[in-house]
Protein backbone atom coordinates (compact mmCIF):
# COMPACT_ATOMS: atom_id res chain seq x y z
CA SER A 1 89.85 19.19 37.59
CA ASP A 2 86.52 18.24 36.17
CA GLN A 3 84.91 18.26 39.62
CA VAL A 4 82.67 21.08 40.68
CA ARG A 5 83.63 22.81 43.84
CA LYS A 6 81.47 22.60 46.98
CA ARG A 7 81.38 26.31 47.22
CA MET A 8 81.27 28.75 44.39
CA SER A 9 80.68 32.47 44.01
CA VAL A 10 78.67 33.91 41.20
CA HIS A 11 79.05 37.67 40.44
CA GLY A 12 76.88 40.06 38.47
CA ILE A 13 73.56 38.31 39.17
CA LYS A 14 71.25 40.34 41.28
CA SER A 15 68.57 37.66 41.65
CA PHE A 16 67.85 34.15 40.38
CA LYS A 17 64.13 35.14 40.20
CA PRO A 18 63.00 36.49 36.75
CA PRO A 19 62.74 40.26 36.76
CA ARG A 20 59.20 41.70 36.81
CA HIS A 21 58.07 42.71 33.29
CA GLN A 22 57.93 46.44 32.67
CA TYR A 23 54.98 47.59 30.61
CA PRO A 24 54.77 51.08 28.93
CA HIS A 25 51.26 51.76 30.25
CA PRO A 26 49.58 51.44 33.56
CA TYR A 27 47.21 48.58 34.78
CA ALA A 28 43.46 48.93 34.83
CA ILE A 29 41.11 47.34 37.29
CA ILE A 30 37.41 47.35 36.47
CA GLY A 31 35.36 46.79 39.60
CA ALA A 32 36.02 47.97 43.14
CA GLY A 33 34.50 45.16 44.95
CA TYR A 34 36.31 42.31 46.65
CA ASN A 35 38.48 41.22 43.74
CA GLY A 36 39.21 44.80 42.71
CA ILE A 37 40.44 45.75 46.12
CA LYS A 38 42.51 42.52 46.43
CA THR A 39 44.13 43.21 43.03
CA ALA A 40 45.06 46.72 44.23
CA LEU A 41 46.64 45.15 47.50
CA TYR A 42 48.82 42.78 45.36
CA LEU A 43 50.02 45.70 43.04
CA LEU A 44 50.85 47.96 46.08
CA ARG A 45 52.58 45.06 47.82
CA ASP A 46 55.18 45.05 45.05
CA GLY A 47 55.45 48.83 44.90
CA GLN A 48 53.43 49.06 41.63
CA ASN A 49 51.51 52.25 41.91
CA ASP A 50 50.67 52.70 38.19
CA PHE A 51 47.05 51.38 38.30
CA THR A 52 43.55 52.80 38.33
CA ILE A 53 40.38 51.15 39.59
CA PHE A 54 37.09 51.99 37.84
CA ASP A 55 33.66 51.49 39.25
CA ARG A 56 30.23 52.63 38.29
CA TYR A 57 29.26 53.04 41.89
CA ASP A 58 30.10 56.00 44.16
CA LYS A 59 31.81 53.83 46.73
CA VAL A 60 33.88 50.66 47.07
CA GLY A 61 32.21 47.34 47.83
CA GLY A 62 30.93 45.96 44.63
CA HIS A 63 27.50 45.12 43.18
CA ALA A 64 26.81 42.06 45.36
CA TRP A 65 26.96 44.08 48.62
CA LEU A 66 25.95 47.52 47.43
CA GLU A 67 23.00 46.42 45.35
CA SER A 68 22.07 42.70 45.37
CA ALA A 69 22.29 42.32 49.13
CA ASN A 70 19.37 43.17 51.40
CA LYS A 71 19.78 45.53 54.24
CA THR A 72 19.14 42.52 56.46
CA THR A 73 21.76 40.35 54.71
CA ARG A 74 24.64 38.85 56.66
CA LEU A 75 27.82 37.29 55.67
CA GLN A 76 27.10 33.42 55.51
CA THR A 77 30.76 32.34 55.70
CA GLU A 78 33.21 33.20 58.45
CA PHE A 79 34.82 36.63 58.28
CA ALA A 80 38.19 35.07 59.28
CA THR A 81 38.56 33.50 55.86
CA TYR A 82 36.54 36.15 53.97
CA HIS A 83 38.01 39.56 54.83
CA VAL A 84 39.38 41.40 51.88
CA TRP A 85 42.88 41.77 53.41
CA PHE A 86 43.08 37.96 53.86
CA GLY A 87 46.60 36.85 53.10
CA GLN A 88 49.87 36.58 55.00
CA GLU A 89 51.07 39.75 53.46
CA TRP A 90 48.30 41.81 55.08
CA SER A 91 46.68 39.66 57.80
CA SER A 92 49.24 37.88 59.88
CA LEU A 93 51.09 38.69 63.14
CA GLY A 94 52.89 42.01 62.88
CA CYS A 95 50.53 43.52 60.29
CA THR A 96 48.90 46.64 61.62
CA LYS A 97 46.81 48.13 58.86
CA CYS A 98 43.08 47.23 59.28
CA GLY A 99 44.12 45.75 62.58
CA GLY A 100 45.82 42.80 60.94
CA PRO A 101 44.14 39.44 61.49
CA PRO A 102 40.52 40.35 62.39
CA VAL A 103 40.32 38.69 65.77
CA ASP A 104 37.77 41.39 67.12
CA TRP A 105 35.31 41.24 64.24
CA GLU A 106 32.13 39.33 64.57
CA PRO A 107 32.10 35.91 62.83
CA TRP A 108 29.17 36.73 60.48
CA PRO A 109 28.87 40.52 60.05
CA CYS A 110 25.76 42.17 58.64
CA ARG A 111 25.74 43.84 55.20
CA ASP A 112 26.64 47.34 56.42
CA ARG A 113 29.57 46.00 58.39
CA VAL A 114 30.87 44.09 55.32
CA VAL A 115 30.66 47.33 53.27
CA GLU A 116 32.46 49.07 56.10
CA HIS A 117 35.32 46.63 56.08
CA PHE A 118 35.86 47.33 52.31
CA GLU A 119 36.03 51.04 53.02
CA LEU A 120 38.41 50.44 55.82
CA CYS A 121 40.81 48.45 53.64
CA ALA A 122 40.64 50.97 50.80
CA ARG A 123 41.26 53.84 53.21
CA GLU A 124 44.14 52.19 55.33
CA TYR A 125 46.08 50.97 52.22
CA GLY A 126 45.61 54.24 50.16
CA ILE A 127 43.49 52.59 47.56
CA TYR A 128 41.10 55.46 47.19
CA ALA A 129 43.78 57.49 45.58
CA HIS A 130 43.71 54.99 42.74
CA CYS A 131 39.93 54.97 42.29
CA GLN A 132 37.84 56.55 39.62
CA LEU A 133 34.42 56.07 41.10
CA SER A 134 30.96 56.78 39.41
CA VAL A 135 32.69 55.90 36.16
CA ASP A 136 31.26 53.25 33.82
CA VAL A 137 33.72 51.45 31.38
CA GLU A 138 31.67 51.14 28.26
CA SER A 139 34.24 49.29 26.16
CA ALA A 140 37.77 47.90 26.36
CA ASP A 141 39.38 47.79 22.93
CA LEU A 142 42.55 46.03 21.75
CA VAL A 143 44.90 48.37 19.92
CA GLY A 144 47.48 46.43 17.89
CA ARG A 145 47.50 42.77 17.09
CA GLU A 146 46.92 39.94 19.49
CA LYS A 147 50.12 38.29 20.86
CA LYS A 148 52.15 41.26 19.75
CA ASP A 149 54.36 42.83 22.59
CA ASP A 150 53.43 46.32 21.75
CA ARG A 151 49.69 45.87 21.97
CA TYR A 152 47.70 47.84 24.46
CA TYR A 153 44.06 48.50 25.44
CA GLN A 154 41.90 51.63 25.43
CA LEU A 155 38.98 51.83 27.94
CA SER A 156 36.22 54.17 26.91
CA CYS A 157 35.04 55.60 30.19
CA ARG A 158 31.82 57.55 30.95
CA PRO A 159 31.07 59.34 34.30
CA VAL A 160 27.70 58.32 35.60
CA LEU A 161 25.28 59.25 38.32
CA PRO A 162 24.85 56.09 40.41
CA HIS A 163 21.52 55.76 42.36
CA ARG A 164 21.45 53.15 45.13
CA LYS A 165 19.03 52.20 47.83
CA ASP A 166 20.03 52.22 51.41
CA THR A 167 16.73 51.43 53.03
CA GLN A 168 14.80 48.06 52.96
CA GLY A 169 11.61 48.02 50.96
CA GLY A 170 10.18 49.63 47.78
CA GLU A 171 10.26 48.47 44.19
CA LYS A 172 13.19 48.11 42.01
CA LEU A 173 15.01 51.30 40.85
CA GLU A 174 15.07 52.61 37.25
CA HIS A 175 18.48 51.21 36.56
CA HIS A 176 17.42 47.87 37.87
CA LYS A 177 14.75 47.83 35.17
CA ASN A 178 17.32 48.92 32.52
CA ALA A 179 19.74 46.28 33.63
CA THR A 180 17.18 43.45 33.66
CA GLU A 181 16.39 44.24 30.04
CA ALA A 182 19.80 45.20 28.61
CA GLY A 183 22.51 44.52 31.25
CA TYR A 184 24.44 47.10 33.53
CA ALA A 185 26.64 48.72 30.83
CA GLY A 186 24.83 51.89 30.27
CA ALA A 187 22.17 51.28 32.90
CA PHE A 188 23.16 54.45 34.94
CA LYS A 189 22.43 58.00 33.77
CA PRO A 190 25.44 59.81 32.27
CA ASP A 191 26.83 62.71 34.42
CA SER A 192 26.67 65.62 32.10
CA LYS A 193 28.99 67.71 34.28
CA ARG A 194 31.93 65.39 33.57
CA LYS A 195 33.29 64.51 30.15
CA PRO A 196 33.86 61.00 28.94
CA PHE A 197 37.50 59.90 28.53
CA VAL A 198 39.76 57.24 27.32
CA PHE A 199 42.30 55.33 29.51
CA THR A 200 45.13 53.56 28.01
CA CYS A 201 46.51 50.45 29.72
CA SER A 202 48.97 47.55 29.09
CA CYS A 203 46.94 45.01 31.10
CA PHE A 204 43.51 44.91 32.67
CA CYS A 205 41.25 42.84 34.68
CA ILE A 206 37.52 43.01 35.08
CA TRP A 207 35.59 41.76 38.16
CA PRO A 208 31.85 41.63 37.12
CA GLY A 209 30.73 39.20 39.83
CA ASN A 210 27.87 36.79 39.24
CA LEU A 211 25.06 38.15 41.54
CA ILE A 212 23.86 40.68 39.01
CA ASN A 213 20.26 40.41 37.84
CA PRO A 214 17.43 38.45 39.68
CA ARG A 215 16.06 35.88 37.44
CA GLN A 216 12.68 37.17 36.27
CA VAL A 217 9.58 35.05 36.91
CA GLU A 218 5.92 35.94 36.63
CA TYR A 219 3.32 33.50 37.76
CA VAL A 220 -0.02 32.80 35.92
CA GLY A 221 -2.65 34.42 38.04
CA GLU A 222 -0.20 36.63 39.91
CA ASP A 223 -2.71 39.44 39.77
CA LEU A 224 -5.28 37.25 41.46
CA PHE A 225 -3.19 36.32 44.50
CA ASN A 226 -4.37 39.08 46.76
CA GLY A 227 -1.23 38.99 48.78
CA PHE A 228 2.31 40.43 48.86
CA ILE A 229 4.72 39.19 46.04
CA GLU A 230 8.32 40.51 45.84
CA TYR A 231 11.83 39.47 44.98
CA GLY A 232 13.88 38.61 48.05
CA VAL A 233 16.94 40.65 47.00
CA GLU A 234 18.15 44.23 46.20
CA MET A 235 16.36 45.56 49.39
CA ARG A 236 13.01 45.39 47.56
CA CYS A 237 11.06 43.41 50.30
CA ASP A 238 9.64 45.21 53.28
CA TYR A 239 9.74 42.35 55.74
CA GLN A 240 7.13 43.80 57.90
CA ASN A 241 4.81 42.13 55.36
CA VAL A 242 5.83 38.64 56.74
CA VAL A 243 5.11 39.21 60.34
CA ALA A 244 2.74 36.38 61.57
CA LYS A 245 2.16 35.48 57.94
CA ASN A 246 2.40 32.27 55.88
CA VAL A 247 5.30 32.75 53.43
CA ILE A 248 6.38 30.90 50.28
CA ILE A 249 10.09 31.31 49.39
CA HIS A 250 10.54 30.19 45.78
CA GLY A 251 13.97 28.78 45.15
CA HIS A 252 16.70 26.95 47.09
CA GLY A 253 19.97 28.96 46.76
CA ALA A 254 22.04 31.22 49.00
CA PHE A 255 19.42 34.04 48.94
CA THR A 256 16.77 31.54 50.06
CA MET A 257 18.85 30.91 53.22
CA GLU A 258 18.98 34.63 53.87
CA ASN A 259 15.25 34.91 53.42
CA ILE A 260 14.47 32.05 55.75
CA ARG A 261 16.65 33.62 58.40
CA THR A 262 14.91 37.14 57.90
CA CYS A 263 11.44 35.70 57.87
CA CYS A 264 12.12 33.91 61.09
CA GLU A 265 13.62 36.95 62.62
CA TYR A 266 10.49 38.94 61.68
CA GLY A 267 8.21 36.20 63.12
CA ALA A 268 6.72 34.56 60.07
CA LYS A 269 4.04 32.03 61.01
CA HIS A 270 5.09 29.35 58.52
CA ILE A 271 7.52 29.09 55.57
CA TRP A 272 7.30 26.88 52.56
CA VAL A 273 10.49 26.63 50.51
CA VAL A 274 9.18 25.66 46.95
CA CYS A 275 12.04 24.44 44.73
CA ARG A 276 12.53 22.25 41.63
CA LYS A 277 15.44 20.60 43.31
CA ARG A 278 16.65 20.48 46.86
CA ASN A 279 20.19 21.67 47.11
CA LEU A 280 22.73 21.04 49.84
CA THR A 281 22.77 23.45 52.78
CA CYS A 282 25.70 23.97 54.97
CA PRO A 283 25.62 24.53 58.76
CA ARG A 284 27.95 27.15 60.36
CA VAL A 285 30.30 24.44 61.79
CA VAL A 286 30.64 22.47 58.61
CA SER A 287 31.46 25.72 56.70
CA TRP A 288 34.12 26.58 59.21
CA PHE A 289 35.57 23.06 59.12
CA ILE A 290 35.96 23.20 55.39
CA ASN A 291 37.56 26.64 55.42
CA GLN A 292 40.17 25.71 58.04
CA ALA A 293 40.96 22.41 56.49
CA SER A 294 44.46 21.99 54.88
CA PRO A 295 44.48 19.88 52.73
CA ALA A 296 40.79 19.89 51.62
CA ILE A 297 38.31 17.47 53.12
CA THR A 298 36.80 14.75 50.98
CA ALA A 299 33.09 15.07 49.85
CA ALA A 300 32.34 11.92 51.76
CA HIS A 301 33.64 13.53 54.94
CA CYS A 302 31.76 16.67 54.16
CA LEU A 303 28.53 14.74 53.69
CA ASN A 304 29.00 12.91 56.95
CA LEU A 305 29.50 16.32 58.66
CA LEU A 306 26.24 17.49 57.13
CA GLN A 307 24.29 14.48 58.25
CA VAL A 308 24.52 15.69 61.85
CA ALA A 309 22.41 18.74 61.16
CA TYR A 310 20.25 17.08 58.48
CA LYS A 311 18.92 14.72 61.09
CA LEU A 312 16.92 17.73 62.29
CA CYS A 313 15.20 17.79 59.00
CA ASP A 314 14.75 14.08 58.75
CA TYR A 315 16.63 13.94 55.63
CA ASP A 316 19.82 12.34 54.55
CA PRO A 317 22.26 14.60 52.46
CA TRP A 318 23.70 11.45 50.81
CA ASP A 319 20.25 11.09 49.02
CA MET A 320 20.49 14.60 47.46
CA HIS A 321 20.28 14.75 43.72
CA SER A 322 23.61 16.34 43.43
CA VAL A 323 25.51 13.61 45.25
CA SER A 324 27.20 10.65 43.45
CA CYS A 325 28.87 7.97 45.58
CA ASN A 326 29.85 4.34 45.85
CA ALA A 327 27.82 1.69 47.63
CA SER A 328 29.86 2.01 50.87
CA ARG A 329 29.69 5.77 50.85
CA THR A 330 33.48 6.14 51.19
CA ASN A 331 33.87 8.02 47.95
CA ALA A 332 31.62 10.82 46.73
CA SER A 333 31.33 13.82 44.58
CA VAL A 334 28.86 16.73 44.48
CA ALA A 335 27.64 18.50 41.43
CA GLN A 336 25.02 21.22 41.71
CA ARG A 337 24.48 24.44 39.81
CA THR A 338 24.20 26.51 42.84
CA ARG A 339 26.57 27.12 45.69
CA PHE A 340 26.00 26.19 49.37
CA GLY A 341 23.49 28.24 51.24
CA ILE A 342 25.03 28.52 54.70
CA GLY A 343 23.21 28.94 58.13
CA ASP A 344 21.98 26.93 61.13
CA ILE A 345 18.51 28.56 61.12
CA TYR A 346 17.57 26.38 58.12
CA PHE A 347 17.96 23.32 60.30
CA LEU A 348 16.39 24.75 63.49
CA SER A 349 13.30 26.20 61.67
CA ALA A 350 12.84 22.77 60.01
CA ALA A 351 13.11 20.94 63.23
CA TYR A 352 10.25 23.01 64.78
CA GLY A 353 8.14 22.56 61.64
CA LEU A 354 8.32 26.29 60.91
CA MET A 355 9.92 25.73 57.57
CA GLU A 356 9.07 22.96 55.08
CA VAL A 357 10.77 22.19 51.79
CA VAL A 358 8.47 21.39 49.01
CA VAL A 359 10.15 19.87 45.91
CA ASP A 360 7.79 21.07 43.18
CA ASN A 361 7.26 24.04 40.89
CA ILE A 362 4.66 26.71 40.89
CA LYS A 363 2.02 26.43 38.16
CA ARG A 364 -0.25 29.32 38.89
CA CYS A 365 -1.71 31.45 41.67
CA SER A 366 -5.34 32.19 42.79
CA ALA A 367 -6.65 34.02 45.82
CA LYS A 368 -4.31 33.18 48.68
CA THR A 369 -3.45 29.96 47.08
CA VAL A 370 -0.43 28.56 45.09
CA HIS A 371 -1.09 25.74 42.78
CA LEU A 372 1.81 23.38 42.18
CA GLU A 373 2.68 21.33 39.11
CA SER A 374 2.13 18.15 41.03
CA GLY A 375 -1.46 19.10 41.75
CA ARG A 376 -0.89 20.02 45.37
CA LYS A 377 -2.24 23.34 46.53
CA LEU A 378 -0.60 25.53 49.22
CA GLU A 379 -3.50 27.51 50.75
CA ASP A 380 -3.82 30.47 53.08
CA VAL A 381 -0.62 31.90 51.65
CA ASP A 382 0.11 35.61 52.47
CA VAL A 383 3.48 36.19 50.94
CA ILE A 384 5.46 34.95 47.99
CA LEU A 385 9.26 35.93 47.85
CA LYS A 386 11.04 35.05 44.65
CA CYS A 387 14.61 33.80 45.09
CA VAL A 388 14.98 31.84 41.88
CA GLY A 389 18.65 32.78 41.27
CA MET A 390 20.81 35.66 39.85
CA LEU A 391 21.71 35.86 36.26
CA PRO A 392 25.11 37.16 35.05
CA ASP A 393 25.45 40.48 33.09
CA SER A 394 25.42 39.70 29.42
CA THR A 395 26.84 43.16 28.45
CA VAL A 396 30.26 42.25 30.05
CA ASP A 397 31.17 40.11 26.95
CA LYS A 398 30.37 43.08 24.78
CA VAL A 399 32.40 45.52 26.86
CA VAL A 400 35.60 43.48 26.86
CA LYS A 401 34.92 41.79 23.45
CA ALA A 402 34.94 38.33 24.98
CA LYS A 403 34.46 35.45 22.52
CA PHE A 404 35.68 32.79 24.91
CA MET A 405 37.47 32.15 28.14
CA ARG A 406 40.70 30.20 28.17
CA GLY A 407 41.10 29.54 31.89
CA TYR A 408 40.57 32.86 33.38
CA TRP A 409 41.93 34.81 30.35
CA ILE A 410 39.67 36.61 27.92
CA ASN A 411 40.13 35.28 24.41
CA GLY A 412 43.25 33.54 25.74
CA ASP A 413 45.01 36.80 26.11
CA PRO A 414 47.35 36.78 29.14
CA ARG A 415 46.90 40.52 29.64
CA ARG A 416 43.13 40.40 29.90
CA PHE A 417 41.75 38.58 32.99
CA SER A 418 38.38 37.95 34.49
CA CYS A 419 36.98 35.61 37.28
CA ALA A 420 33.37 36.14 38.29
CA ASP A 421 33.22 34.26 41.57
CA PRO A 422 32.62 30.88 39.83
CA ASP A 423 29.20 29.45 40.24
CA GLY A 424 27.97 26.08 41.48
CA ILE A 425 29.66 23.09 43.14
CA TYR A 426 31.52 20.38 41.32
CA ALA A 427 33.85 18.69 43.72
CA SER A 428 35.06 15.45 45.32
CA ASN A 429 37.09 17.53 47.73
CA PHE A 430 36.15 20.74 49.54
CA SER A 431 38.63 23.44 50.57
CA GLY A 432 36.48 26.55 50.90
CA THR A 433 32.95 27.95 51.07
CA THR A 434 34.19 31.52 50.78
CA ILE A 435 35.85 33.80 48.29
CA GLY A 436 38.86 34.63 50.43
CA PRO A 437 41.30 31.78 49.77
CA GLY A 438 40.23 31.48 46.14
CA ALA A 439 40.71 35.20 45.40
CA TYR A 440 44.02 35.18 47.22
CA SER A 441 45.11 32.44 44.76
CA TYR A 442 43.70 33.36 41.43
CA ILE A 443 44.66 37.05 41.72
CA ALA A 444 48.14 36.12 42.60
CA MET A 445 48.16 33.81 39.55
CA MET A 446 47.00 36.69 37.37
CA LYS A 447 49.78 38.90 38.61
CA HIS A 448 52.34 36.03 38.13
CA VAL A 449 51.41 35.88 34.47
CA TRP A 450 51.53 39.67 34.07
CA ASP A 451 54.89 39.75 35.80
CA CYS A 452 56.35 36.79 33.92
CA PRO A 453 54.67 36.88 30.42
CA ASN A 454 57.47 34.93 28.78
CA GLU A 455 56.48 31.90 30.70
CA TRP A 456 53.00 32.02 29.20
CA ILE A 457 54.35 32.53 25.75
CA GLN A 458 56.78 29.61 25.98
CA LEU A 459 54.06 27.29 27.34
CA ASP A 460 51.70 28.40 24.57
CA GLU A 461 54.15 28.00 21.75
CA ALA A 462 55.16 24.55 23.02
CA GLY A 463 51.46 23.53 22.97
CA HIS A 464 51.36 22.86 26.65
CA LEU A 465 48.88 25.56 27.71
CA ASN A 466 45.83 23.21 27.78
CA LEU A 467 43.46 25.27 29.91
CA PRO A 468 39.66 24.81 30.07
CA LEU A 469 37.68 26.78 27.45
CA HIS A 470 34.33 28.28 27.91
CA TYR A 471 32.12 29.86 25.24
CA ALA A 472 28.98 31.94 25.43
CA GLY A 473 25.77 29.84 25.38
CA ASP A 474 27.17 27.15 27.80
CA PRO A 475 25.24 25.76 29.67
CA ASP A 476 22.35 28.00 28.96
CA PRO A 477 21.57 29.96 25.81
CA ASP A 478 21.92 33.30 27.77
CA SER A 479 25.15 32.31 29.60
CA PRO A 480 27.89 34.79 28.62
CA ALA A 481 31.51 33.71 27.93
CA TYR A 482 32.95 35.31 31.02
CA PHE A 483 30.53 33.37 33.36
CA ILE A 484 32.49 30.24 34.19
CA ASN A 485 31.48 27.57 36.66
CA ALA A 486 33.39 26.05 39.56
CA ARG A 487 34.51 23.04 37.51
CA HIS A 488 36.18 25.36 34.95
CA SER A 489 37.78 27.40 37.79
CA VAL A 490 39.18 24.34 39.64
CA GLY A 491 40.51 22.94 36.37
CA THR A 492 42.27 26.15 35.47
CA SER A 493 43.93 26.40 38.86
CA PHE A 494 45.08 22.71 38.89
CA ALA A 495 46.35 22.93 35.27
CA TYR A 496 48.45 26.09 35.70
CA ALA A 497 49.99 24.81 39.02
CA ILE A 498 51.13 21.74 37.05
CA LEU A 499 52.46 23.78 34.13
CA SER A 500 54.26 26.37 36.14
CA PRO A 501 56.75 25.37 38.90
CA ALA A 502 57.39 29.01 39.61
CA TRP A 503 53.69 29.76 40.24
CA ARG A 504 53.53 26.47 42.32
CA ASP A 505 56.32 27.82 44.54
CA LYS A 506 54.62 31.23 44.96
CA SER A 507 51.44 29.54 46.12
CA ALA A 508 52.75 26.85 48.39
CA HIS A 509 52.12 28.87 51.57
CA MET A 510 48.45 29.55 50.77
CA ASP A 511 46.73 26.43 52.28
CA PRO A 512 48.79 26.55 55.44
CA TYR A 513 48.05 30.18 55.91
CA LYS A 514 44.33 29.55 55.49
CA HIS A 515 44.40 26.98 58.23
CA TRP A 516 46.37 29.29 60.49
CA VAL A 517 44.25 32.46 60.07
CA ALA A 518 40.90 30.41 60.58
CA HIS A 519 42.10 29.13 63.93
CA TYR A 520 43.80 32.27 64.98
CA CYS A 521 40.88 34.55 64.33
CA CYS A 522 38.11 32.14 64.90
CA PRO A 523 39.17 29.06 67.00
CA VAL A 524 36.68 26.33 67.48
CA GLU A 525 35.74 27.57 71.02
CA LYS A 526 34.91 31.03 69.67
CA LEU A 527 33.01 29.53 66.72
CA LEU A 528 30.91 27.33 68.92
CA GLU A 529 30.17 30.11 71.46
CA ALA A 530 29.03 32.39 68.65
CA ALA A 531 26.94 29.62 66.91
CA LEU A 532 25.32 28.48 70.23
CA ALA A 533 24.51 32.06 71.17
CA GLU A 534 22.81 32.61 67.82
CA TRP A 535 20.97 29.28 68.19
CA ASP A 536 19.72 30.13 71.64
CA ASP A 537 18.59 33.66 70.61
CA TYR A 538 16.39 31.99 67.98
CA GLU A 539 15.04 29.55 70.43
CA LYS A 540 14.04 32.42 72.72
CA SER A 541 12.74 34.55 69.85
CA PHE A 542 10.46 31.78 68.50
CA ARG A 543 8.82 31.54 71.83
CA GLU A 544 8.60 35.24 72.39
CA LYS A 545 6.95 35.76 69.01
CA GLY A 546 4.49 32.86 69.54
CA MET A 547 6.05 30.87 66.64
CA VAL A 548 6.34 27.72 68.83
CA PRO A 549 4.65 26.91 72.25
CA LYS A 550 6.44 28.43 75.19
CA ASP A 551 6.82 24.98 76.75
CA ALA A 552 8.15 23.26 73.62
CA PRO A 553 11.34 21.31 74.40
CA TYR A 554 14.56 23.20 73.44
CA ILE A 555 16.45 21.51 70.54
CA PRO A 556 20.20 21.16 71.49
CA TYR A 557 22.81 22.58 69.19
CA PRO A 558 23.84 19.58 66.97
CA TYR A 559 27.62 20.14 67.08
CA THR A 560 30.04 19.98 70.02
CA LYS A 561 33.81 20.57 70.53
CA GLN A 562 34.35 16.83 71.15
CA TYR A 563 32.71 16.08 67.86
CA ILE A 564 34.83 18.60 65.96
CA GLU A 565 37.94 17.32 67.55
CA GLU A 566 37.08 13.76 66.41
CA GLN A 567 36.66 15.09 62.87
CA TYR A 568 40.16 16.38 62.93
CA GLU A 569 41.29 12.80 63.33
CA VAL A 570 39.01 11.72 60.53
CA HIS A 571 40.53 14.33 58.23
CA LYS A 572 44.15 13.29 59.19
CA LYS A 573 43.31 9.68 58.36
CA ASP A 574 41.64 10.65 55.01
CA THR A 575 44.53 12.79 53.88
CA SER A 576 47.23 10.17 55.14
CA GLN A 577 45.52 7.54 52.96
CA VAL A 578 45.57 9.95 49.92
CA ALA A 579 49.28 10.61 50.59
CA LYS A 580 50.01 6.82 50.57
C-alpha cells in the first residue's frame, strides 16, 4: 500500500533535535557583570562546565555597578524583571537557588544590594569556580582562517591590581584618568606577582557595557565659578555640597534622574536641569507596565501613560522632540539617543517647583553664575553636576580586532559575540525598560548559534543572513564598532527570529514568562504600595528640610490601581487590533 500508517516506530534516533556542537577548546567569557553571569548560567544549565570568565575587577558585578554608579545609586527599573537569574530555568516556581523568584527583594534596591545580588548568584550557582578575576584581557587573536572549522582564538591575559572606590566623594582615581584618555585596556596597573598567560578558546563573548567613561566637558570660566563643580558619577560627588544649595545638573539622561533624586534627598534648595534636548522620563508605574506587558505596548499607549505624570510638569510628552506621530495620535514612534531615565521624584520635584528643566546649553561661567547660549543667566548657583552622558570604551575594538558588527557578531564571526546594552530608544512598541528580558533572549540566541553552527553556515551560504551592520564612526566619529544602538539590536533580534524557526521555538516562552514573573514578584498592589510609600516619604522630607512650606498642599500620587486595570483593557484592545 502507498498509504502511510497512522502509527509508526522509528528506531536508532535518540532525538529529533540537532546535537549540540562539540568544540575542541573551552568557551571564554570576557566580563563578569550582568551578561557575563547570565552567560555562565546558560552554559551551566546545559552541563557545559568548560568555560572561564575573565574580569579586570576583583569581584563580580561589572563596571556599571562597581565603578560608574554612585554609592547613592538605586536600580531604576523593577528588580522583578532585572535580577540576573531572571528566566524560567532559574526563577520560577520550584527553583531554590538564590531563593528562586525574588518576591522578598525590594522593588528598587540600592547600588550595594545590586552588587550583593550578583555575588549571591555567582556563589549559589558555583560561578566563582570559573572566574579569573583581576585579569585584563589585552587582546583576542584569531588563529587560523575565518570560516574554517578548525579556527580558534587566543586571549592574551595580564593579571592586574584593580583599585576601586567604595566611599562617596573625592576626585577620580588614576585609572579613571588613564581610561578617559586611552580606554580601559591597560588602565589598571599590572600585578607583578602574577605572570601573564594565554588562554585558548573555541568561542568567546565580550560584555564591555556602554556606561564606561563620563563624557568630558570643561566650561569657559570654570575657574571663576567660585562654587562646587563635579561629575555626578563614579562616586566623585560628595553630596553634602548640595545641602540647601542651588544646583545645576547638566544633561538629561539616566544619571540626571539619579542626581535629581539624590539632590532632593540631601535637601537641595533648587535644581535646574540644563540640557540641549528634553528627553522622555518614565514614572515607576509606566516602567512596570511596559516590563510586564506581553506582547509589547504601542508607543502611543506608552505616551498616554506618561501624560498622567507629565501633567505635574505642565508638559505634554507628545510634544517631545523624539516623538513622531499622526494627527490623531493613534500611531507613534520614539527616537532618542538616550534611554529612559526612570523615577517618580522627577515629577514630584517639578510639581513643587524644586526642579526646573531649562532647554539650553552652557556657554560660560562667572562667579556663582552660569551664562547660557540663549543669553539667559542662572544666578546664585552654588553647584554644577556634570551628567552629560557616558562614552563607550574605544579600546574594545582593538582588543577583539572588531572592524564591524554583523548583528551581534564581531566581524560576522558566529563564534565571537558582543552586545553592550544597546543605547537609545528607537521604537513604535515597548516591551522593556530593563536589561533582564533582553539579556535572557540575546544570550540564548548566542548560545543557539554556538550550539548549532551549521544553521548559521547554511543561512550565510544561501545569502539569507541579512543582519544589520555597524561600523566604527557611526553615528559619531569616536563611536567604536561594538557600540550598537537599540535600532540595530531590535533589527538583529527580529531578523534572526524570522530566519531560524529553531531559535523561534526556543524563545517562544520568553514573553509569557516575563509577564508571569513581573506579576508574581511585584503585583500591582505591591508596586503601588512601594511607589506611594516612596512618594509620601519625599513629601514628608521636603517639609522637614524646609524645601517646601509645611502647610503646602500634598500632591496625590498620579496613578491608581483602577487606572492601571483600565490600561490592561486598552492594551488588550490594541493587541487584538494588531492580530486582526
